[in-house]
């Protein structure tokens, strides 16, 4: 069991304008990356809304990087490596520091038990209006009905053997509902297992500017 530092409130800031450092997802990592993303869907804050609000899921079509986090939170600020085997964690942390400014464009490679949509920046802005205010138009309300919120992922950062991974996940479901966390996973017998995670729940969070 990993020892975690005290929870740190984390918000997401999506910047207007071009996405800097955007790169395609390399095919050699694709299977593990989407296996991890799929395992983590939905985050606890969305799952707790109940089945009536989880008819389908919305996922940002571009990963977030360190610049999109406020505060800019490194994985080791929230998690400590497991005492029994710290090296894979440290290698995944080094991968994060090497690639923390990159963003990836995601594809439809998730393996989920219900329909999902990859949202563009423009659609995220629309959905923000729908869930974040009571004045959304009926057309927007209809377009985004059934989505509990939006899930954002960072890239997945691996150790040298691709058997340990760090990933940041943020779920947003309106002005009063936001949860972000760094998660550490390990691959055992061909399957990814969540080793640790520290939720940072922010009441009244506004993860957009």
N, C-alpha and C. Protein backbone atom coordinates (compact mmCIF):
# COMPACT_ATOMS: atom_id res chain seq x y z
N UNK A 1 0.85 -1.18 0.00
CA UNK A 1 0.00 0.00 0.00
C UNK A 1 0.89 1.23 0.00
N UNK A 2 0.60 2.19 -0.80
CA UNK A 2 1.45 3.36 -0.91
C UNK A 2 1.06 4.42 0.10
N UNK A 3 2.04 5.14 0.62
CA UNK A 3 1.78 6.27 1.52
C UNK A 3 1.65 7.51 0.68
N UNK A 4 0.55 8.25 0.87
CA UNK A 4 0.27 9.42 0.05
C UNK A 4 0.41 10.68 0.88
N UNK A 5 0.88 11.72 0.25
CA UNK A 5 0.91 13.02 0.91
C UNK A 5 -0.50 13.56 1.01
N UNK A 6 -0.72 14.60 1.82
CA UNK A 6 -2.07 15.15 1.94
C UNK A 6 -2.62 15.59 0.59
N UNK A 7 -3.93 15.44 0.43
CA UNK A 7 -4.58 15.78 -0.84
C UNK A 7 -4.32 17.24 -1.18
N UNK A 8 -4.10 17.48 -2.46
CA UNK A 8 -3.85 18.84 -2.95
C UNK A 8 -4.96 19.20 -3.91
N UNK A 9 -5.60 20.37 -3.70
CA UNK A 9 -6.68 20.81 -4.60
C UNK A 9 -6.10 21.11 -5.96
N UNK A 10 -6.69 20.50 -6.98
CA UNK A 10 -6.20 20.62 -8.35
C UNK A 10 -7.33 21.07 -9.25
N UNK A 11 -7.09 22.09 -10.05
CA UNK A 11 -8.03 22.56 -11.04
C UNK A 11 -7.39 22.43 -12.41
N UNK A 12 -8.23 22.42 -13.44
CA UNK A 12 -7.74 22.35 -14.81
C UNK A 12 -8.01 23.67 -15.49
N UNK A 13 -7.04 24.18 -16.25
CA UNK A 13 -7.22 25.39 -17.03
C UNK A 13 -7.01 25.02 -18.49
N UNK A 14 -8.05 25.20 -19.33
CA UNK A 14 -7.89 24.98 -20.76
C UNK A 14 -7.63 26.33 -21.42
N UNK A 15 -6.50 26.46 -22.07
CA UNK A 15 -6.14 27.73 -22.67
C UNK A 15 -6.79 27.88 -24.03
N UNK A 16 -7.16 29.10 -24.34
CA UNK A 16 -7.66 29.39 -25.68
C UNK A 16 -6.48 29.43 -26.64
N UNK A 17 -6.77 29.24 -27.93
CA UNK A 17 -5.72 29.33 -28.92
C UNK A 17 -5.14 27.98 -29.26
N UNK A 18 -4.09 27.95 -30.09
CA UNK A 18 -3.52 26.69 -30.56
C UNK A 18 -2.97 25.86 -29.43
N UNK A 19 -3.00 24.55 -29.59
CA UNK A 19 -2.43 23.65 -28.61
C UNK A 19 -0.96 23.48 -28.89
N UNK A 20 -0.11 23.77 -27.92
CA UNK A 20 1.32 23.75 -28.10
C UNK A 20 1.87 22.37 -27.78
N UNK A 21 2.80 21.90 -28.59
CA UNK A 21 3.44 20.63 -28.32
C UNK A 21 2.58 19.42 -28.62
N UNK A 22 1.58 19.57 -29.48
CA UNK A 22 0.67 18.46 -29.77
C UNK A 22 1.33 17.47 -30.71
N UNK A 23 1.29 16.17 -30.35
CA UNK A 23 1.92 15.13 -31.15
C UNK A 23 0.98 13.94 -31.25
N UNK A 24 1.12 13.11 -32.30
CA UNK A 24 0.27 11.93 -32.41
C UNK A 24 0.69 10.85 -31.43
N UNK A 25 -0.23 9.96 -31.11
CA UNK A 25 0.06 8.85 -30.21
C UNK A 25 0.83 7.77 -30.97
N UNK A 26 1.98 7.36 -30.47
CA UNK A 26 2.81 6.37 -31.13
C UNK A 26 2.15 5.00 -31.03
N UNK A 27 2.16 4.25 -32.14
CA UNK A 27 1.45 2.98 -32.22
C UNK A 27 1.94 1.96 -31.21
N UNK A 28 3.23 1.98 -30.87
CA UNK A 28 3.79 0.97 -29.97
C UNK A 28 3.25 1.09 -28.55
N UNK A 29 2.75 2.27 -28.18
CA UNK A 29 2.21 2.47 -26.83
C UNK A 29 0.68 2.45 -26.80
N UNK A 30 0.07 2.41 -27.97
CA UNK A 30 -1.37 2.63 -28.06
C UNK A 30 -2.18 1.65 -27.21
N UNK A 31 -1.85 0.36 -27.29
CA UNK A 31 -2.65 -0.64 -26.58
C UNK A 31 -2.65 -0.40 -25.08
N UNK A 32 -1.47 -0.15 -24.50
CA UNK A 32 -1.41 0.08 -23.06
C UNK A 32 -2.03 1.40 -22.66
N UNK A 33 -1.83 2.43 -23.46
CA UNK A 33 -2.41 3.74 -23.14
C UNK A 33 -3.93 3.66 -23.05
N UNK A 34 -4.56 3.06 -24.05
CA UNK A 34 -6.03 3.01 -24.05
C UNK A 34 -6.56 1.98 -23.06
N UNK A 35 -5.79 0.95 -22.75
CA UNK A 35 -6.20 0.02 -21.70
C UNK A 35 -6.26 0.74 -20.36
N UNK A 36 -5.29 1.62 -20.10
CA UNK A 36 -5.28 2.39 -18.86
C UNK A 36 -6.42 3.39 -18.82
N UNK A 37 -6.60 4.16 -19.89
CA UNK A 37 -7.70 5.11 -19.93
C UNK A 37 -9.04 4.40 -19.71
N UNK A 38 -9.24 3.28 -20.38
CA UNK A 38 -10.51 2.56 -20.29
C UNK A 38 -10.74 2.03 -18.88
N UNK A 39 -9.67 1.55 -18.24
CA UNK A 39 -9.78 1.05 -16.87
C UNK A 39 -10.26 2.13 -15.91
N UNK A 40 -9.83 3.36 -16.13
CA UNK A 40 -10.12 4.45 -15.20
C UNK A 40 -11.47 5.14 -15.45
N UNK A 41 -12.16 4.76 -16.50
CA UNK A 41 -13.47 5.35 -16.80
C UNK A 41 -14.58 4.59 -16.08
N UNK A 42 -15.56 5.33 -15.49
CA UNK A 42 -15.52 6.77 -15.22
C UNK A 42 -14.81 7.01 -13.90
N UNK A 43 -14.39 8.24 -13.66
CA UNK A 43 -13.85 8.59 -12.36
C UNK A 43 -14.93 8.51 -11.29
N UNK A 44 -14.50 8.43 -10.05
CA UNK A 44 -15.44 8.22 -8.94
C UNK A 44 -16.50 9.32 -8.86
N UNK A 45 -16.09 10.56 -9.13
CA UNK A 45 -17.05 11.66 -8.99
C UNK A 45 -18.18 11.54 -10.00
N UNK A 46 -17.90 11.01 -11.19
CA UNK A 46 -18.95 10.81 -12.19
C UNK A 46 -19.74 9.55 -11.91
N UNK A 47 -19.05 8.49 -11.50
CA UNK A 47 -19.75 7.24 -11.20
C UNK A 47 -20.76 7.42 -10.09
N UNK A 48 -20.45 8.28 -9.13
CA UNK A 48 -21.34 8.49 -7.98
C UNK A 48 -22.60 9.26 -8.33
N UNK A 49 -22.66 9.82 -9.54
CA UNK A 49 -23.87 10.53 -9.96
C UNK A 49 -25.01 9.57 -10.27
N UNK A 50 -24.70 8.30 -10.47
CA UNK A 50 -25.74 7.30 -10.70
C UNK A 50 -25.98 7.02 -12.17
N UNK A 51 -26.66 5.90 -12.48
CA UNK A 51 -26.85 5.46 -13.87
C UNK A 51 -27.68 6.41 -14.71
N UNK A 52 -28.59 7.16 -14.11
CA UNK A 52 -29.42 8.08 -14.89
C UNK A 52 -28.59 9.17 -15.54
N UNK A 53 -27.41 9.45 -14.98
CA UNK A 53 -26.55 10.51 -15.51
C UNK A 53 -25.37 9.94 -16.29
N UNK A 54 -25.35 8.65 -16.49
CA UNK A 54 -24.21 8.01 -17.13
C UNK A 54 -24.62 7.18 -18.34
N UNK A 55 -25.53 7.73 -19.15
CA UNK A 55 -25.94 7.02 -20.35
C UNK A 55 -24.80 6.96 -21.37
N UNK A 56 -23.95 7.95 -21.37
CA UNK A 56 -22.81 8.02 -22.27
C UNK A 56 -21.77 8.92 -21.64
N UNK A 57 -20.55 8.82 -22.12
CA UNK A 57 -19.45 9.55 -21.50
C UNK A 57 -18.79 10.48 -22.50
N UNK A 58 -18.30 11.59 -22.00
CA UNK A 58 -17.59 12.58 -22.81
C UNK A 58 -16.13 12.64 -22.36
N UNK A 59 -15.23 12.57 -23.33
CA UNK A 59 -13.80 12.59 -23.06
C UNK A 59 -13.17 13.66 -23.95
N UNK A 60 -12.31 14.49 -23.37
CA UNK A 60 -11.61 15.50 -24.16
C UNK A 60 -10.74 14.81 -25.20
N UNK A 61 -10.77 15.30 -26.44
CA UNK A 61 -10.05 14.62 -27.53
C UNK A 61 -8.56 14.93 -27.57
N UNK A 62 -8.10 15.80 -26.68
CA UNK A 62 -6.68 16.13 -26.59
C UNK A 62 -6.25 16.04 -25.14
N UNK A 63 -5.12 15.39 -24.88
CA UNK A 63 -4.67 15.26 -23.51
C UNK A 63 -4.20 16.60 -22.96
N UNK A 64 -4.21 16.70 -21.64
CA UNK A 64 -3.71 17.90 -20.98
C UNK A 64 -2.23 17.71 -20.64
N UNK A 65 -1.53 18.82 -20.53
CA UNK A 65 -0.12 18.76 -20.12
C UNK A 65 0.06 19.57 -18.84
N UNK A 66 1.29 19.71 -18.40
CA UNK A 66 1.57 20.38 -17.13
C UNK A 66 1.10 21.84 -17.16
N UNK A 67 1.14 22.47 -18.34
CA UNK A 67 0.69 23.86 -18.43
C UNK A 67 -0.81 24.00 -18.19
N UNK A 68 -1.58 22.93 -18.39
CA UNK A 68 -3.03 22.98 -18.24
C UNK A 68 -3.47 22.78 -16.79
N UNK A 69 -2.55 22.46 -15.91
CA UNK A 69 -2.89 22.23 -14.50
C UNK A 69 -2.62 23.48 -13.69
N UNK A 70 -3.51 23.77 -12.78
CA UNK A 70 -3.35 24.93 -11.91
C UNK A 70 -3.74 24.52 -10.49
N UNK A 71 -2.74 24.28 -9.61
CA UNK A 71 -1.30 24.49 -9.81
C UNK A 71 -0.68 23.42 -10.69
N UNK A 72 0.53 23.70 -11.19
CA UNK A 72 1.25 22.74 -12.02
C UNK A 72 1.79 21.64 -11.12
N UNK A 73 1.08 20.51 -11.11
CA UNK A 73 1.31 19.48 -10.11
C UNK A 73 2.08 18.31 -10.70
N UNK A 74 3.29 18.07 -10.21
CA UNK A 74 4.07 16.90 -10.60
C UNK A 74 3.55 15.67 -9.87
N UNK A 75 3.65 14.47 -10.48
CA UNK A 75 3.14 13.26 -9.80
C UNK A 75 3.72 13.05 -8.41
N UNK A 76 5.01 13.36 -8.22
CA UNK A 76 5.63 13.12 -6.92
C UNK A 76 5.23 14.15 -5.88
N UNK A 77 4.44 15.16 -6.27
CA UNK A 77 3.87 16.07 -5.30
C UNK A 77 2.63 15.48 -4.65
N UNK A 78 2.06 14.45 -5.29
CA UNK A 78 0.84 13.83 -4.77
C UNK A 78 1.05 12.38 -4.34
N UNK A 79 2.04 11.70 -4.94
CA UNK A 79 2.25 10.28 -4.70
C UNK A 79 3.70 10.00 -4.33
N UNK A 80 3.90 8.95 -3.56
CA UNK A 80 5.25 8.46 -3.28
C UNK A 80 5.40 7.07 -3.90
N UNK A 81 6.60 6.71 -4.30
CA UNK A 81 6.80 5.38 -4.88
C UNK A 81 6.57 4.29 -3.84
N UNK A 82 6.13 3.10 -4.28
CA UNK A 82 5.95 2.00 -3.33
C UNK A 82 7.29 1.60 -2.72
N UNK A 83 7.28 1.38 -1.42
CA UNK A 83 8.52 1.07 -0.72
C UNK A 83 9.13 -0.24 -1.19
N UNK A 84 8.31 -1.18 -1.65
CA UNK A 84 8.81 -2.49 -2.04
C UNK A 84 9.44 -2.50 -3.43
N UNK A 85 9.15 -1.47 -4.26
CA UNK A 85 9.68 -1.46 -5.62
C UNK A 85 9.61 -0.04 -6.19
N UNK A 86 10.47 0.85 -5.74
CA UNK A 86 10.35 2.26 -6.14
C UNK A 86 10.85 2.58 -7.54
N UNK A 87 11.71 1.73 -8.12
CA UNK A 87 12.37 2.09 -9.38
C UNK A 87 11.39 2.33 -10.54
N UNK A 88 10.38 1.46 -10.78
CA UNK A 88 9.46 1.73 -11.89
C UNK A 88 8.74 3.07 -11.75
N UNK A 89 8.35 3.41 -10.53
CA UNK A 89 7.71 4.71 -10.31
C UNK A 89 8.66 5.84 -10.70
N UNK A 90 9.91 5.74 -10.27
CA UNK A 90 10.87 6.80 -10.57
C UNK A 90 11.14 6.90 -12.06
N UNK A 91 11.14 5.77 -12.76
CA UNK A 91 11.34 5.81 -14.21
C UNK A 91 10.14 6.44 -14.91
N UNK A 92 8.93 6.12 -14.46
CA UNK A 92 7.74 6.75 -15.03
C UNK A 92 7.74 8.25 -14.73
N UNK A 93 8.20 8.63 -13.56
CA UNK A 93 8.32 10.04 -13.22
C UNK A 93 9.31 10.75 -14.15
N UNK A 94 10.42 10.09 -14.47
CA UNK A 94 11.39 10.67 -15.41
C UNK A 94 10.77 10.85 -16.79
N UNK A 95 9.94 9.89 -17.22
CA UNK A 95 9.24 10.01 -18.50
C UNK A 95 8.31 11.21 -18.49
N UNK A 96 7.62 11.42 -17.36
CA UNK A 96 6.77 12.61 -17.23
C UNK A 96 7.59 13.89 -17.42
N UNK A 97 8.72 13.99 -16.74
CA UNK A 97 9.52 15.22 -16.83
C UNK A 97 10.07 15.41 -18.24
N UNK A 98 10.31 14.33 -18.97
CA UNK A 98 10.82 14.44 -20.33
C UNK A 98 9.75 14.88 -21.31
N UNK A 99 8.48 14.57 -21.03
CA UNK A 99 7.42 14.80 -22.02
C UNK A 99 6.24 15.60 -21.46
N UNK A 100 6.43 16.30 -20.37
CA UNK A 100 5.31 16.93 -19.66
C UNK A 100 4.67 18.09 -20.42
N UNK A 101 5.31 18.58 -21.47
CA UNK A 101 4.71 19.67 -22.25
C UNK A 101 4.00 19.17 -23.51
N UNK A 102 4.07 17.88 -23.78
CA UNK A 102 3.42 17.34 -24.98
C UNK A 102 1.92 17.17 -24.74
N UNK A 103 1.18 17.26 -25.83
CA UNK A 103 -0.24 16.90 -25.82
C UNK A 103 -0.47 15.89 -26.94
N UNK A 104 -1.38 14.96 -26.71
CA UNK A 104 -1.71 13.94 -27.68
C UNK A 104 -3.14 14.08 -28.15
N UNK A 105 -3.36 13.83 -29.44
CA UNK A 105 -4.71 13.75 -29.98
C UNK A 105 -5.20 12.31 -29.84
N UNK A 106 -6.33 12.13 -29.17
CA UNK A 106 -6.84 10.79 -28.89
C UNK A 106 -7.75 10.30 -30.01
N UNK A 107 -7.80 8.99 -30.17
CA UNK A 107 -8.67 8.37 -31.16
C UNK A 107 -9.71 7.48 -30.49
N UNK A 108 -10.52 6.83 -31.29
CA UNK A 108 -11.60 6.01 -30.75
C UNK A 108 -11.10 4.58 -30.50
N UNK A 109 -10.20 4.46 -29.54
CA UNK A 109 -9.61 3.17 -29.20
C UNK A 109 -9.96 2.74 -27.78
N UNK A 110 -10.89 3.46 -27.15
CA UNK A 110 -11.31 3.10 -25.80
C UNK A 110 -12.17 1.83 -25.85
N UNK A 111 -12.09 1.04 -24.80
CA UNK A 111 -12.92 -0.16 -24.66
C UNK A 111 -13.84 0.05 -23.47
N UNK A 112 -15.02 0.58 -23.73
CA UNK A 112 -15.94 0.97 -22.68
C UNK A 112 -17.27 0.23 -22.83
N UNK A 113 -18.05 0.23 -21.76
CA UNK A 113 -19.30 -0.54 -21.77
C UNK A 113 -20.51 0.29 -22.19
N UNK A 114 -20.25 1.50 -22.69
CA UNK A 114 -21.35 2.34 -23.18
C UNK A 114 -20.81 3.34 -24.18
N UNK A 115 -21.68 4.03 -24.92
CA UNK A 115 -21.20 4.98 -25.92
C UNK A 115 -20.40 6.11 -25.29
N UNK A 116 -19.46 6.62 -26.06
CA UNK A 116 -18.67 7.77 -25.60
C UNK A 116 -18.40 8.68 -26.78
N UNK A 117 -18.09 9.92 -26.47
CA UNK A 117 -17.80 10.94 -27.48
C UNK A 117 -16.49 11.62 -27.13
N UNK A 118 -15.63 11.82 -28.13
CA UNK A 118 -14.43 12.62 -27.95
C UNK A 118 -14.77 14.07 -28.31
N UNK A 119 -14.65 14.95 -27.34
CA UNK A 119 -15.07 16.34 -27.52
C UNK A 119 -13.90 17.23 -27.94
N UNK A 120 -14.15 18.07 -28.93
CA UNK A 120 -13.18 19.09 -29.33
C UNK A 120 -13.22 20.24 -28.33
N UNK A 121 -12.28 21.16 -28.47
CA UNK A 121 -12.25 22.34 -27.58
C UNK A 121 -13.55 23.14 -27.69
N UNK A 122 -14.08 23.28 -28.92
CA UNK A 122 -15.32 24.02 -29.11
C UNK A 122 -16.49 23.31 -28.43
N UNK A 123 -16.53 21.99 -28.52
CA UNK A 123 -17.62 21.23 -27.89
C UNK A 123 -17.49 21.25 -26.37
N UNK A 124 -16.27 21.26 -25.87
CA UNK A 124 -16.07 21.38 -24.43
C UNK A 124 -16.62 22.70 -23.93
N UNK A 125 -16.38 23.76 -24.69
CA UNK A 125 -16.91 25.08 -24.33
C UNK A 125 -18.44 25.06 -24.31
N UNK A 126 -19.04 24.40 -25.30
CA UNK A 126 -20.50 24.29 -25.33
C UNK A 126 -21.02 23.50 -24.13
N UNK A 127 -20.37 22.41 -23.84
CA UNK A 127 -20.82 21.58 -22.73
C UNK A 127 -20.65 22.30 -21.40
N UNK A 128 -19.62 23.10 -21.30
CA UNK A 128 -19.43 23.93 -20.11
C UNK A 128 -20.64 24.84 -19.91
N UNK A 129 -21.13 25.44 -21.00
CA UNK A 129 -22.31 26.30 -20.90
C UNK A 129 -23.53 25.50 -20.45
N UNK A 130 -23.63 24.26 -20.93
CA UNK A 130 -24.79 23.44 -20.63
C UNK A 130 -24.81 23.00 -19.17
N UNK A 131 -23.67 22.51 -18.67
CA UNK A 131 -23.62 22.01 -17.30
C UNK A 131 -23.30 23.10 -16.29
N UNK A 132 -22.68 24.17 -16.75
CA UNK A 132 -22.21 25.18 -15.82
C UNK A 132 -23.18 26.31 -15.54
N UNK A 133 -24.21 26.45 -16.35
CA UNK A 133 -25.17 27.53 -16.15
C UNK A 133 -26.58 27.01 -16.31
N UNK A 134 -27.52 27.75 -15.77
CA UNK A 134 -28.93 27.38 -15.91
C UNK A 134 -29.55 28.02 -17.15
N UNK A 135 -28.76 28.83 -17.86
CA UNK A 135 -29.30 29.59 -18.98
C UNK A 135 -28.96 28.98 -20.33
N UNK A 136 -28.52 27.74 -20.35
CA UNK A 136 -28.16 27.10 -21.62
C UNK A 136 -29.39 26.95 -22.51
N UNK A 137 -29.18 27.08 -23.81
CA UNK A 137 -30.28 26.94 -24.75
C UNK A 137 -30.81 25.52 -24.76
N UNK A 138 -32.05 25.37 -25.19
CA UNK A 138 -32.64 24.04 -25.25
C UNK A 138 -31.89 23.14 -26.23
N UNK A 139 -31.34 23.74 -27.30
CA UNK A 139 -30.58 22.96 -28.28
C UNK A 139 -29.33 22.37 -27.64
N UNK A 140 -28.62 23.17 -26.83
CA UNK A 140 -27.43 22.66 -26.15
C UNK A 140 -27.80 21.62 -25.10
N UNK A 141 -28.88 21.87 -24.38
CA UNK A 141 -29.32 20.90 -23.37
C UNK A 141 -29.63 19.55 -24.01
N UNK A 142 -30.27 19.58 -25.17
CA UNK A 142 -30.59 18.34 -25.85
C UNK A 142 -29.33 17.66 -26.38
N UNK A 143 -28.40 18.45 -26.91
CA UNK A 143 -27.18 17.90 -27.50
C UNK A 143 -26.35 17.15 -26.45
N UNK A 144 -26.30 17.69 -25.23
CA UNK A 144 -25.44 17.11 -24.21
C UNK A 144 -26.22 16.39 -23.11
N UNK A 145 -27.47 16.09 -23.34
CA UNK A 145 -28.26 15.32 -22.38
C UNK A 145 -27.68 13.92 -22.23
N UNK A 146 -27.63 13.44 -21.01
CA UNK A 146 -27.13 12.09 -20.78
C UNK A 146 -25.65 12.02 -20.44
N UNK A 147 -24.89 13.10 -20.68
CA UNK A 147 -23.49 13.12 -20.29
C UNK A 147 -23.39 13.61 -18.85
N UNK A 148 -22.70 12.89 -17.96
CA UNK A 148 -22.57 13.36 -16.59
C UNK A 148 -21.55 14.48 -16.45
N UNK A 149 -20.63 14.59 -17.39
CA UNK A 149 -19.58 15.58 -17.32
C UNK A 149 -18.53 15.29 -18.37
N UNK A 150 -17.32 15.77 -18.14
CA UNK A 150 -16.22 15.61 -19.09
C UNK A 150 -15.02 15.02 -18.36
N UNK A 151 -14.39 14.05 -18.97
CA UNK A 151 -13.17 13.46 -18.43
C UNK A 151 -11.96 13.93 -19.24
N UNK A 152 -10.94 14.38 -18.55
CA UNK A 152 -9.68 14.81 -19.17
C UNK A 152 -8.57 13.89 -18.68
N UNK A 153 -7.70 13.49 -19.60
CA UNK A 153 -6.53 12.68 -19.24
C UNK A 153 -5.26 13.41 -19.66
N UNK A 154 -4.19 13.16 -18.91
CA UNK A 154 -2.86 13.51 -19.41
C UNK A 154 -2.39 12.37 -20.31
N UNK A 155 -1.23 12.52 -20.92
CA UNK A 155 -0.57 11.39 -21.55
C UNK A 155 -0.28 10.36 -20.46
N UNK A 156 0.05 9.15 -20.85
CA UNK A 156 0.47 8.12 -19.91
C UNK A 156 1.99 8.06 -19.93
N UNK A 157 2.60 8.09 -18.76
CA UNK A 157 4.05 8.12 -18.62
C UNK A 157 4.52 6.78 -18.07
N UNK A 158 5.42 6.11 -18.81
CA UNK A 158 5.79 4.73 -18.51
C UNK A 158 7.22 4.62 -17.98
N UNK A 159 7.46 3.49 -17.31
CA UNK A 159 8.82 3.10 -16.97
C UNK A 159 9.47 2.47 -18.19
N UNK A 160 10.75 2.07 -18.08
CA UNK A 160 11.50 1.59 -19.23
C UNK A 160 10.97 0.26 -19.77
N UNK A 161 10.29 -0.53 -18.95
CA UNK A 161 9.75 -1.82 -19.39
C UNK A 161 8.28 -1.73 -19.77
N UNK A 162 7.68 -0.58 -19.64
CA UNK A 162 6.26 -0.34 -19.91
C UNK A 162 5.37 -1.26 -19.06
N UNK A 163 5.79 -1.40 -17.79
CA UNK A 163 5.00 -2.18 -16.84
C UNK A 163 4.58 -1.36 -15.62
N UNK A 164 4.90 -0.09 -15.64
CA UNK A 164 4.44 0.84 -14.61
C UNK A 164 4.07 2.13 -15.31
N UNK A 165 3.11 2.85 -14.78
CA UNK A 165 2.61 4.03 -15.48
C UNK A 165 2.07 5.07 -14.51
N UNK A 166 2.20 6.32 -14.89
CA UNK A 166 1.59 7.44 -14.19
C UNK A 166 0.67 8.16 -15.16
N UNK A 167 -0.50 8.58 -14.68
CA UNK A 167 -1.44 9.31 -15.51
C UNK A 167 -2.25 10.25 -14.62
N UNK A 168 -2.56 11.41 -15.16
CA UNK A 168 -3.42 12.37 -14.46
C UNK A 168 -4.81 12.32 -15.07
N UNK A 169 -5.83 12.29 -14.22
CA UNK A 169 -7.22 12.27 -14.66
C UNK A 169 -7.99 13.35 -13.93
N UNK A 170 -8.79 14.10 -14.67
CA UNK A 170 -9.68 15.09 -14.08
C UNK A 170 -11.08 14.89 -14.63
N UNK A 171 -12.06 14.79 -13.72
CA UNK A 171 -13.47 14.69 -14.09
C UNK A 171 -14.18 15.96 -13.64
N UNK A 172 -14.97 16.52 -14.55
CA UNK A 172 -15.71 17.76 -14.27
C UNK A 172 -17.17 17.54 -14.60
N UNK A 173 -18.05 17.90 -13.68
CA UNK A 173 -19.49 17.70 -13.92
C UNK A 173 -20.30 18.93 -13.53
N UNK A 174 -19.72 20.10 -13.71
CA UNK A 174 -20.44 21.33 -13.40
C UNK A 174 -19.66 22.17 -12.41
N UNK A 175 -20.18 23.35 -12.12
CA UNK A 175 -19.45 24.30 -11.28
C UNK A 175 -19.19 23.80 -9.87
N UNK A 176 -19.99 22.86 -9.38
CA UNK A 176 -19.82 22.37 -8.02
C UNK A 176 -19.25 20.96 -7.98
N UNK A 177 -18.66 20.51 -9.06
CA UNK A 177 -18.27 19.11 -9.12
C UNK A 177 -16.99 18.96 -9.94
N UNK A 178 -15.88 18.67 -9.25
CA UNK A 178 -14.62 18.51 -9.95
C UNK A 178 -13.70 17.63 -9.11
N UNK A 179 -13.02 16.70 -9.75
CA UNK A 179 -12.06 15.85 -9.04
C UNK A 179 -10.88 15.56 -9.95
N UNK A 180 -9.68 15.81 -9.45
CA UNK A 180 -8.48 15.54 -10.20
C UNK A 180 -7.50 14.73 -9.37
N UNK A 181 -6.75 13.84 -10.00
CA UNK A 181 -5.78 13.04 -9.27
C UNK A 181 -4.71 12.46 -10.19
N UNK A 182 -3.51 12.30 -9.64
CA UNK A 182 -2.47 11.49 -10.26
C UNK A 182 -2.67 10.06 -9.81
N UNK A 183 -2.49 9.11 -10.73
CA UNK A 183 -2.71 7.69 -10.46
C UNK A 183 -1.48 6.91 -10.91
N UNK A 184 -1.05 5.98 -10.07
CA UNK A 184 0.06 5.09 -10.40
C UNK A 184 -0.48 3.69 -10.61
N UNK A 185 -0.08 3.05 -11.72
CA UNK A 185 -0.54 1.71 -12.06
C UNK A 185 0.64 0.80 -12.35
N UNK A 186 0.42 -0.49 -12.17
CA UNK A 186 1.41 -1.49 -12.53
C UNK A 186 0.73 -2.59 -13.34
N UNK A 187 1.51 -3.23 -14.22
CA UNK A 187 0.98 -4.29 -15.05
C UNK A 187 1.34 -5.64 -14.44
N UNK A 188 0.30 -6.41 -14.10
CA UNK A 188 0.48 -7.72 -13.48
C UNK A 188 -0.26 -8.76 -14.31
N UNK A 189 0.46 -9.81 -14.72
CA UNK A 189 -0.14 -10.89 -15.50
C UNK A 189 -0.89 -10.37 -16.73
N UNK A 190 -0.31 -9.35 -17.37
CA UNK A 190 -0.88 -8.82 -18.60
C UNK A 190 -2.00 -7.83 -18.42
N UNK A 191 -2.32 -7.46 -17.16
CA UNK A 191 -3.42 -6.55 -16.91
C UNK A 191 -2.95 -5.37 -16.04
N UNK A 192 -3.44 -4.19 -16.37
CA UNK A 192 -3.10 -3.00 -15.59
C UNK A 192 -3.93 -2.96 -14.32
N UNK A 193 -3.26 -2.64 -13.21
CA UNK A 193 -3.89 -2.58 -11.89
C UNK A 193 -3.56 -1.24 -11.26
N UNK A 194 -4.56 -0.56 -10.74
CA UNK A 194 -4.33 0.72 -10.08
C UNK A 194 -3.66 0.47 -8.73
N UNK A 195 -2.45 0.99 -8.59
CA UNK A 195 -1.70 0.78 -7.35
C UNK A 195 -2.00 1.87 -6.33
N UNK A 196 -2.23 3.06 -6.80
CA UNK A 196 -2.53 4.16 -5.88
C UNK A 196 -3.17 5.31 -6.62
N UNK A 197 -3.80 6.15 -5.86
CA UNK A 197 -4.37 7.37 -6.41
C UNK A 197 -4.79 8.24 -5.25
N UNK A 198 -4.62 9.53 -5.39
CA UNK A 198 -5.01 10.46 -4.33
C UNK A 198 -5.98 11.46 -4.92
N UNK A 199 -7.26 11.32 -4.56
CA UNK A 199 -8.27 12.24 -5.08
C UNK A 199 -8.08 13.63 -4.50
N UNK A 200 -8.25 14.63 -5.34
CA UNK A 200 -8.23 16.02 -4.90
C UNK A 200 -9.57 16.64 -5.28
N UNK A 201 -10.52 16.58 -4.39
CA UNK A 201 -11.88 17.00 -4.68
C UNK A 201 -12.01 18.48 -4.33
N UNK A 202 -12.55 19.25 -5.25
CA UNK A 202 -12.67 20.67 -5.07
C UNK A 202 -14.13 21.07 -5.17
N UNK A 203 -14.73 21.47 -4.08
CA UNK A 203 -16.12 21.92 -4.12
C UNK A 203 -16.18 23.31 -4.73
N UNK A 204 -17.07 23.48 -5.70
CA UNK A 204 -17.19 24.76 -6.37
C UNK A 204 -16.10 25.02 -7.39
N UNK A 205 -15.39 23.98 -7.80
CA UNK A 205 -14.27 24.17 -8.73
C UNK A 205 -14.76 24.60 -10.09
N UNK A 206 -13.98 25.43 -10.75
CA UNK A 206 -14.27 25.87 -12.11
C UNK A 206 -13.04 25.55 -12.96
N UNK A 207 -13.02 24.39 -13.60
CA UNK A 207 -11.81 23.97 -14.31
C UNK A 207 -11.66 24.57 -15.70
N UNK A 208 -12.33 25.67 -15.95
CA UNK A 208 -12.20 26.35 -17.24
C UNK A 208 -12.07 27.85 -16.96
N UNK A 209 -11.39 28.53 -17.87
CA UNK A 209 -11.34 29.99 -17.80
C UNK A 209 -11.79 30.57 -19.13
